Amino acid sequence: MGEIRELLFLRSIVVLLLCVAVIQIHPSAQHASHDSSRVAFSHSLPALNGEKLAINVVEVSYAPGEASPAHSHPCPVIGYVVDGEIRSQVGGQPEVVYKVGDSFYEAPNGIHQVSANASRTKPAKLLAFFVCDHAAPLSVPAESPRK
């Protein structure tokens, strides 16, 4: 029973850290009254080992037309768009364009086939929140298909 309480406590800490990070980055959230608050994103996390839990917040900036090569993340990732528009496609799902204020979830080890700036003329930026229960690189290149 103690392990369940510890896990719930650690998940609460992760959620609190995510909220604080978004408020620090998004100026309009700093002056919001209680009546204008909203849940920007909610998603269940997979089972995690609370003894080694860590969160990393990575700012990803794309120049106009820039894209990342195909990759995957060994940890669950929550993305939050802070500037411009981001094109994304993970694990064979349809491609989606996320705009400022949009959030999204990526399950661990899903192949991120498309991660790109949707604009050829304006920059784009997102915050990626990595919730990891073990030491691992945050991003790894996607394996190329075998011939």
N, C-alpha and C. Protein backbone atom coordinates (compact mmCIF):
# COMPACT_ATOMS: atom_id res chain seq x y z
N MET A 1 0.82 -1.19 0.00
CA MET A 1 0.00 0.00 0.00
C MET A 1 0.87 1.26 0.00
N GLY A 2 2.02 1.20 0.71
CA GLY A 2 2.93 2.34 0.74
C GLY A 2 3.50 2.67 -0.62
N GLU A 3 3.75 1.64 -1.43
CA GLU A 3 4.30 1.87 -2.78
C GLU A 3 3.29 2.62 -3.64
N ILE A 4 2.01 2.31 -3.50
CA ILE A 4 0.97 2.99 -4.28
C ILE A 4 0.90 4.46 -3.88
N ARG A 5 0.95 4.73 -2.57
CA ARG A 5 0.93 6.13 -2.11
C ARG A 5 2.15 6.88 -2.63
N GLU A 6 3.32 6.24 -2.60
CA GLU A 6 4.54 6.87 -3.08
C GLU A 6 4.43 7.18 -4.57
N LEU A 7 3.91 6.24 -5.34
CA LEU A 7 3.75 6.46 -6.78
C LEU A 7 2.78 7.60 -7.05
N LEU A 8 1.66 7.64 -6.33
CA LEU A 8 0.69 8.72 -6.51
C LEU A 8 1.32 10.06 -6.11
N PHE A 9 2.09 10.07 -5.02
CA PHE A 9 2.77 11.29 -4.61
C PHE A 9 3.74 11.76 -5.68
N LEU A 10 4.53 10.85 -6.23
CA LEU A 10 5.51 11.21 -7.26
C LEU A 10 4.83 11.71 -8.52
N ARG A 11 3.72 11.09 -8.89
CA ARG A 11 2.98 11.58 -10.07
C ARG A 11 2.45 12.99 -9.81
N SER A 12 2.00 13.26 -8.59
CA SER A 12 1.53 14.61 -8.25
C SER A 12 2.66 15.61 -8.38
N ILE A 13 3.86 15.24 -7.95
CA ILE A 13 5.02 16.12 -8.05
C ILE A 13 5.33 16.40 -9.52
N VAL A 14 5.27 15.38 -10.38
CA VAL A 14 5.54 15.56 -11.81
C VAL A 14 4.54 16.53 -12.41
N VAL A 15 3.27 16.36 -12.10
CA VAL A 15 2.23 17.25 -12.63
C VAL A 15 2.48 18.68 -12.16
N LEU A 16 2.81 18.85 -10.89
CA LEU A 16 3.09 20.18 -10.36
C LEU A 16 4.27 20.81 -11.09
N LEU A 17 5.34 20.05 -11.31
CA LEU A 17 6.50 20.58 -12.03
C LEU A 17 6.15 20.98 -13.45
N LEU A 18 5.33 20.19 -14.12
CA LEU A 18 4.89 20.53 -15.47
C LEU A 18 4.12 21.84 -15.47
N CYS A 19 3.23 22.00 -14.52
CA CYS A 19 2.43 23.23 -14.45
C CYS A 19 3.31 24.44 -14.20
N VAL A 20 4.25 24.32 -13.28
CA VAL A 20 5.15 25.43 -12.97
C VAL A 20 5.97 25.80 -14.20
N ALA A 21 6.47 24.81 -14.93
CA ALA A 21 7.28 25.08 -16.12
C ALA A 21 6.46 25.80 -17.18
N VAL A 22 5.22 25.39 -17.40
CA VAL A 22 4.38 26.05 -18.40
C VAL A 22 4.08 27.47 -17.99
N ILE A 23 3.79 27.70 -16.70
CA ILE A 23 3.49 29.05 -16.23
C ILE A 23 4.71 29.95 -16.40
N GLN A 24 5.91 29.43 -16.14
CA GLN A 24 7.12 30.23 -16.27
C GLN A 24 7.39 30.60 -17.72
N ILE A 25 7.03 29.74 -18.66
CA ILE A 25 7.31 29.98 -20.07
C ILE A 25 6.21 30.81 -20.74
N HIS A 26 4.97 30.61 -20.36
CA HIS A 26 3.84 31.24 -21.03
C HIS A 26 3.37 32.45 -20.23
N PRO A 27 3.75 33.68 -20.64
CA PRO A 27 3.47 34.88 -19.85
C PRO A 27 1.98 35.09 -19.56
N SER A 28 1.10 34.75 -20.48
CA SER A 28 -0.33 35.00 -20.24
C SER A 28 -0.85 34.18 -19.08
N ALA A 29 -0.21 33.05 -18.78
CA ALA A 29 -0.65 32.21 -17.67
C ALA A 29 -0.25 32.81 -16.33
N GLN A 30 0.74 33.69 -16.31
CA GLN A 30 1.21 34.26 -15.05
C GLN A 30 0.20 35.19 -14.42
N HIS A 31 -0.63 35.82 -15.22
CA HIS A 31 -1.58 36.80 -14.70
C HIS A 31 -3.02 36.31 -14.79
N ALA A 32 -3.22 35.04 -14.98
CA ALA A 32 -4.57 34.50 -15.11
C ALA A 32 -5.28 34.52 -13.78
N SER A 33 -6.54 34.93 -13.81
CA SER A 33 -7.33 34.86 -12.59
C SER A 33 -7.83 33.43 -12.43
N HIS A 34 -8.32 33.13 -11.25
CA HIS A 34 -8.80 31.78 -10.97
C HIS A 34 -9.92 31.38 -11.94
N ASP A 35 -10.74 32.33 -12.35
CA ASP A 35 -11.86 32.04 -13.25
C ASP A 35 -11.41 31.69 -14.65
N SER A 36 -10.19 32.09 -15.04
CA SER A 36 -9.75 31.83 -16.41
C SER A 36 -8.82 30.62 -16.50
N SER A 37 -8.68 29.86 -15.43
CA SER A 37 -7.81 28.69 -15.50
C SER A 37 -8.48 27.59 -16.30
N ARG A 38 -7.64 26.75 -16.89
CA ARG A 38 -8.15 25.62 -17.66
C ARG A 38 -7.14 24.49 -17.60
N VAL A 39 -7.61 23.29 -17.78
CA VAL A 39 -6.69 22.16 -17.89
C VAL A 39 -6.19 22.18 -19.33
N ALA A 40 -4.92 22.46 -19.51
CA ALA A 40 -4.34 22.54 -20.85
C ALA A 40 -4.09 21.17 -21.43
N PHE A 41 -3.89 20.17 -20.56
CA PHE A 41 -3.59 18.83 -21.05
C PHE A 41 -3.75 17.84 -19.92
N SER A 42 -4.28 16.67 -20.23
CA SER A 42 -4.38 15.59 -19.25
C SER A 42 -4.24 14.27 -19.98
N HIS A 43 -3.38 13.41 -19.48
CA HIS A 43 -3.17 12.09 -20.09
C HIS A 43 -2.58 11.17 -19.03
N SER A 44 -3.05 9.94 -18.96
CA SER A 44 -2.48 8.98 -18.02
C SER A 44 -1.06 8.64 -18.44
N LEU A 45 -0.22 8.38 -17.44
CA LEU A 45 1.15 7.97 -17.70
C LEU A 45 1.26 6.45 -17.53
N PRO A 46 2.20 5.83 -18.23
CA PRO A 46 2.43 4.40 -18.01
C PRO A 46 3.02 4.18 -16.61
N ALA A 47 3.05 2.94 -16.17
CA ALA A 47 3.66 2.64 -14.87
C ALA A 47 5.12 3.07 -14.88
N LEU A 48 5.53 3.79 -13.84
CA LEU A 48 6.90 4.29 -13.74
C LEU A 48 7.49 3.88 -12.41
N ASN A 49 8.82 3.76 -12.36
CA ASN A 49 9.52 3.40 -11.14
C ASN A 49 9.78 4.69 -10.36
N GLY A 50 9.04 4.90 -9.28
CA GLY A 50 9.15 6.12 -8.50
C GLY A 50 10.49 6.34 -7.85
N GLU A 51 11.31 5.31 -7.70
CA GLU A 51 12.61 5.47 -7.07
C GLU A 51 13.61 6.18 -7.98
N LYS A 52 13.40 6.16 -9.28
CA LYS A 52 14.36 6.75 -10.22
C LYS A 52 13.71 7.81 -11.11
N LEU A 53 12.53 8.29 -10.74
CA LEU A 53 11.77 9.20 -11.57
C LEU A 53 12.50 10.53 -11.78
N ALA A 54 12.51 10.99 -13.02
CA ALA A 54 13.13 12.27 -13.36
C ALA A 54 12.31 12.94 -14.45
N ILE A 55 12.34 14.26 -14.45
CA ILE A 55 11.67 15.00 -15.52
C ILE A 55 12.71 15.92 -16.16
N ASN A 56 12.68 15.98 -17.47
CA ASN A 56 13.52 16.89 -18.23
C ASN A 56 12.60 17.73 -19.10
N VAL A 57 12.83 19.04 -19.12
CA VAL A 57 12.07 19.93 -19.99
C VAL A 57 13.05 20.45 -21.03
N VAL A 58 12.76 20.16 -22.30
CA VAL A 58 13.65 20.52 -23.40
C VAL A 58 12.93 21.51 -24.31
N GLU A 59 13.58 22.63 -24.59
CA GLU A 59 13.03 23.60 -25.54
C GLU A 59 13.54 23.22 -26.93
N VAL A 60 12.62 22.99 -27.85
CA VAL A 60 12.97 22.59 -29.22
C VAL A 60 12.57 23.74 -30.15
N SER A 61 13.55 24.31 -30.83
CA SER A 61 13.29 25.42 -31.75
C SER A 61 13.54 24.97 -33.18
N TYR A 62 12.62 25.34 -34.07
CA TYR A 62 12.74 25.02 -35.49
C TYR A 62 12.79 26.33 -36.28
N ALA A 63 13.78 26.47 -37.13
CA ALA A 63 13.82 27.57 -38.08
C ALA A 63 12.73 27.33 -39.13
N PRO A 64 12.37 28.34 -39.91
CA PRO A 64 11.37 28.13 -40.95
C PRO A 64 11.72 26.93 -41.84
N GLY A 65 10.76 26.02 -42.00
CA GLY A 65 10.94 24.85 -42.85
C GLY A 65 11.80 23.75 -42.26
N GLU A 66 12.35 23.92 -41.09
CA GLU A 66 13.26 22.94 -40.49
C GLU A 66 12.49 21.73 -39.94
N ALA A 67 13.15 20.57 -39.97
CA ALA A 67 12.56 19.32 -39.46
C ALA A 67 13.63 18.50 -38.77
N SER A 68 13.19 17.62 -37.88
CA SER A 68 14.10 16.67 -37.22
C SER A 68 14.07 15.35 -37.98
N PRO A 69 15.18 14.60 -37.98
CA PRO A 69 15.13 13.27 -38.59
C PRO A 69 14.25 12.34 -37.74
N ALA A 70 13.80 11.25 -38.33
CA ALA A 70 12.97 10.27 -37.61
C ALA A 70 13.70 9.81 -36.35
N HIS A 71 12.95 9.70 -35.26
CA HIS A 71 13.54 9.34 -33.98
C HIS A 71 12.46 8.76 -33.06
N SER A 72 12.90 8.31 -31.88
CA SER A 72 11.95 7.87 -30.85
C SER A 72 12.48 8.32 -29.50
N HIS A 73 11.61 8.24 -28.50
CA HIS A 73 11.95 8.62 -27.14
C HIS A 73 11.64 7.43 -26.23
N PRO A 74 12.59 7.04 -25.37
CA PRO A 74 12.34 5.90 -24.49
C PRO A 74 11.40 6.22 -23.33
N CYS A 75 11.06 7.50 -23.16
CA CYS A 75 10.19 7.93 -22.06
C CYS A 75 8.91 8.56 -22.63
N PRO A 76 7.84 8.61 -21.83
CA PRO A 76 6.66 9.37 -22.27
C PRO A 76 7.05 10.84 -22.42
N VAL A 77 6.48 11.49 -23.45
CA VAL A 77 6.78 12.89 -23.71
C VAL A 77 5.47 13.66 -23.84
N ILE A 78 5.43 14.83 -23.21
CA ILE A 78 4.31 15.74 -23.36
C ILE A 78 4.86 16.97 -24.04
N GLY A 79 4.27 17.35 -25.17
CA GLY A 79 4.72 18.52 -25.92
C GLY A 79 3.76 19.67 -25.72
N TYR A 80 4.30 20.89 -25.70
CA TYR A 80 3.50 22.11 -25.57
C TYR A 80 4.07 23.14 -26.53
N VAL A 81 3.27 23.60 -27.49
CA VAL A 81 3.73 24.54 -28.51
C VAL A 81 3.69 25.96 -27.94
N VAL A 82 4.85 26.63 -27.95
CA VAL A 82 4.92 27.99 -27.42
C VAL A 82 5.04 29.05 -28.52
N ASP A 83 5.37 28.64 -29.74
CA ASP A 83 5.50 29.60 -30.84
C ASP A 83 5.31 28.89 -32.16
N GLY A 84 4.59 29.50 -33.09
CA GLY A 84 4.41 28.95 -34.43
C GLY A 84 3.52 27.73 -34.46
N GLU A 85 3.78 26.86 -35.44
CA GLU A 85 3.01 25.63 -35.63
C GLU A 85 3.97 24.47 -35.88
N ILE A 86 3.66 23.32 -35.28
CA ILE A 86 4.51 22.14 -35.36
C ILE A 86 3.75 21.01 -36.05
N ARG A 87 4.37 20.43 -37.09
CA ARG A 87 3.81 19.22 -37.73
C ARG A 87 4.38 18.01 -37.01
N SER A 88 3.52 17.03 -36.73
CA SER A 88 3.98 15.85 -36.00
C SER A 88 3.25 14.60 -36.49
N GLN A 89 3.99 13.51 -36.53
CA GLN A 89 3.40 12.20 -36.85
C GLN A 89 4.19 11.15 -36.08
N VAL A 90 3.47 10.38 -35.26
CA VAL A 90 4.11 9.37 -34.42
C VAL A 90 3.42 8.03 -34.62
N GLY A 91 4.22 6.98 -34.77
CA GLY A 91 3.72 5.62 -34.77
C GLY A 91 2.67 5.29 -35.80
N GLY A 92 2.77 5.83 -36.99
CA GLY A 92 1.82 5.50 -38.06
C GLY A 92 0.48 6.21 -37.95
N GLN A 93 0.31 7.08 -36.95
CA GLN A 93 -0.92 7.86 -36.81
C GLN A 93 -0.93 8.95 -37.88
N PRO A 94 -2.09 9.56 -38.16
CA PRO A 94 -2.13 10.65 -39.13
C PRO A 94 -1.27 11.84 -38.68
N GLU A 95 -0.73 12.57 -39.62
CA GLU A 95 0.03 13.77 -39.31
C GLU A 95 -0.91 14.82 -38.74
N VAL A 96 -0.42 15.56 -37.73
CA VAL A 96 -1.22 16.59 -37.06
C VAL A 96 -0.40 17.87 -37.02
N VAL A 97 -1.08 19.01 -37.13
CA VAL A 97 -0.42 20.31 -36.96
C VAL A 97 -0.90 20.89 -35.63
N TYR A 98 0.05 21.16 -34.74
CA TYR A 98 -0.25 21.74 -33.43
C TYR A 98 0.09 23.22 -33.47
N LYS A 99 -0.79 24.04 -32.89
CA LYS A 99 -0.62 25.49 -32.86
C LYS A 99 -0.26 25.96 -31.45
N VAL A 100 0.09 27.23 -31.30
CA VAL A 100 0.45 27.80 -30.00
C VAL A 100 -0.63 27.45 -28.97
N GLY A 101 -0.18 26.95 -27.83
CA GLY A 101 -1.09 26.58 -26.75
C GLY A 101 -1.57 25.14 -26.80
N ASP A 102 -1.32 24.43 -27.92
CA ASP A 102 -1.70 23.02 -28.03
C ASP A 102 -0.69 22.15 -27.29
N SER A 103 -1.21 21.06 -26.71
CA SER A 103 -0.38 20.06 -26.05
C SER A 103 -0.63 18.71 -26.68
N PHE A 104 0.35 17.82 -26.58
CA PHE A 104 0.18 16.47 -27.14
C PHE A 104 1.02 15.49 -26.35
N TYR A 105 0.68 14.21 -26.47
CA TYR A 105 1.36 13.12 -25.75
C TYR A 105 2.00 12.18 -26.75
N GLU A 106 3.20 11.72 -26.42
CA GLU A 106 3.87 10.68 -27.20
C GLU A 106 4.21 9.54 -26.27
N ALA A 107 3.74 8.35 -26.60
CA ALA A 107 4.03 7.16 -25.79
C ALA A 107 5.51 6.79 -25.94
N PRO A 108 6.07 6.12 -24.95
CA PRO A 108 7.47 5.70 -25.05
C PRO A 108 7.72 4.82 -26.28
N ASN A 109 8.85 5.02 -26.92
CA ASN A 109 9.35 4.21 -28.03
C ASN A 109 8.54 4.28 -29.32
N GLY A 110 7.60 5.20 -29.42
CA GLY A 110 6.90 5.39 -30.70
C GLY A 110 7.83 6.07 -31.69
N ILE A 111 7.80 5.65 -32.92
CA ILE A 111 8.65 6.27 -33.94
C ILE A 111 8.06 7.61 -34.34
N HIS A 112 8.82 8.66 -34.13
CA HIS A 112 8.40 10.02 -34.46
C HIS A 112 8.84 10.27 -35.91
N GLN A 113 7.95 9.94 -36.85
CA GLN A 113 8.29 10.03 -38.28
C GLN A 113 8.39 11.46 -38.76
N VAL A 114 7.52 12.34 -38.24
CA VAL A 114 7.54 13.76 -38.64
C VAL A 114 7.58 14.61 -37.38
N SER A 115 8.53 15.51 -37.32
CA SER A 115 8.61 16.54 -36.29
C SER A 115 9.23 17.74 -36.99
N ALA A 116 8.38 18.72 -37.31
CA ALA A 116 8.84 19.80 -38.18
C ALA A 116 8.08 21.09 -37.94
N ASN A 117 8.70 22.18 -38.36
CA ASN A 117 8.02 23.46 -38.40
C ASN A 117 7.03 23.40 -39.56
N ALA A 118 5.77 23.77 -39.32
CA ALA A 118 4.76 23.74 -40.36
C ALA A 118 4.88 24.92 -41.32
N SER A 119 5.67 25.93 -40.94
CA SER A 119 5.81 27.13 -41.76
C SER A 119 7.17 27.19 -42.44
N ARG A 120 7.19 27.69 -43.65
CA ARG A 120 8.45 27.91 -44.36
C ARG A 120 8.96 29.34 -44.17
N THR A 121 8.17 30.18 -43.44
CA THR A 121 8.55 31.59 -43.29
C THR A 121 8.69 32.05 -41.84
N LYS A 122 8.14 31.31 -40.87
CA LYS A 122 8.19 31.72 -39.47
C LYS A 122 8.81 30.62 -38.61
N PRO A 123 9.51 31.00 -37.54
CA PRO A 123 10.07 29.99 -36.64
C PRO A 123 8.97 29.33 -35.80
N ALA A 124 9.30 28.21 -35.18
CA ALA A 124 8.37 27.51 -34.28
C ALA A 124 9.16 26.97 -33.10
N LYS A 125 8.47 26.82 -31.97
CA LYS A 125 9.14 26.35 -30.75
C LYS A 125 8.16 25.54 -29.92
N LEU A 126 8.65 24.47 -29.32
CA LEU A 126 7.85 23.68 -28.40
C LEU A 126 8.66 23.33 -27.18
N LEU A 127 7.96 23.04 -26.09
CA LEU A 127 8.58 22.50 -24.89
C LEU A 127 8.24 21.02 -24.86
N ALA A 128 9.24 20.19 -24.66
CA ALA A 128 9.04 18.75 -24.55
C ALA A 128 9.35 18.34 -23.11
N PHE A 129 8.34 17.78 -22.43
CA PHE A 129 8.47 17.33 -21.05
C PHE A 129 8.68 15.82 -21.08
N PHE A 130 9.88 15.37 -20.73
CA PHE A 130 10.22 13.95 -20.70
C PHE A 130 10.07 13.46 -19.26
N VAL A 131 9.21 12.46 -19.05
CA VAL A 131 8.99 11.89 -17.73
C VAL A 131 9.61 10.50 -17.75
N CYS A 132 10.82 10.38 -17.18
CA CYS A 132 11.59 9.14 -17.29
C CYS A 132 11.72 8.44 -15.95
N ASP A 133 11.66 7.13 -15.98
CA ASP A 133 11.84 6.34 -14.77
C ASP A 133 13.16 5.59 -14.77
N HIS A 134 14.06 5.98 -15.66
CA HIS A 134 15.37 5.34 -15.75
C HIS A 134 16.31 6.26 -16.52
N ALA A 135 17.59 6.03 -16.36
CA ALA A 135 18.58 6.82 -17.11
C ALA A 135 18.62 6.32 -18.54
N ALA A 136 18.38 7.20 -19.48
CA ALA A 136 18.39 6.85 -20.90
C ALA A 136 18.56 8.13 -21.70
N PRO A 137 19.04 8.02 -22.93
CA PRO A 137 19.05 9.22 -23.78
C PRO A 137 17.61 9.65 -24.03
N LEU A 138 17.38 10.94 -24.13
CA LEU A 138 16.02 11.43 -24.32
C LEU A 138 15.49 11.15 -25.72
N SER A 139 16.37 11.07 -26.69
CA SER A 139 15.97 10.85 -28.07
C SER A 139 16.99 9.92 -28.73
N VAL A 140 16.50 8.99 -29.54
CA VAL A 140 17.40 8.10 -30.28
C VAL A 140 16.95 8.04 -31.74
N PRO A 141 17.91 7.92 -32.67
CA PRO A 141 17.52 7.83 -34.09
C PRO A 141 16.63 6.61 -34.34
N ALA A 142 15.68 6.77 -35.24
CA ALA A 142 14.82 5.64 -35.62
C ALA A 142 15.66 4.64 -36.40
N GLU A 143 15.39 3.37 -36.17
CA GLU A 143 16.10 2.35 -36.93
C GLU A 143 15.65 2.40 -38.37
N SER A 144 16.60 2.31 -39.29
CA SER A 144 16.23 2.30 -40.69
C SER A 144 15.70 0.90 -41.06
N PRO A 145 14.76 0.85 -42.00
CA PRO A 145 14.19 -0.44 -42.39
C PRO A 145 15.27 -1.37 -42.92
N ARG A 146 15.17 -2.65 -42.57
CA ARG A 146 16.15 -3.64 -43.05
C ARG A 146 15.84 -4.03 -44.48
N LYS A 147 16.93 -4.21 -45.23
CA LYS A 147 16.75 -4.59 -46.64
C LYS A 147 17.06 -6.04 -46.84
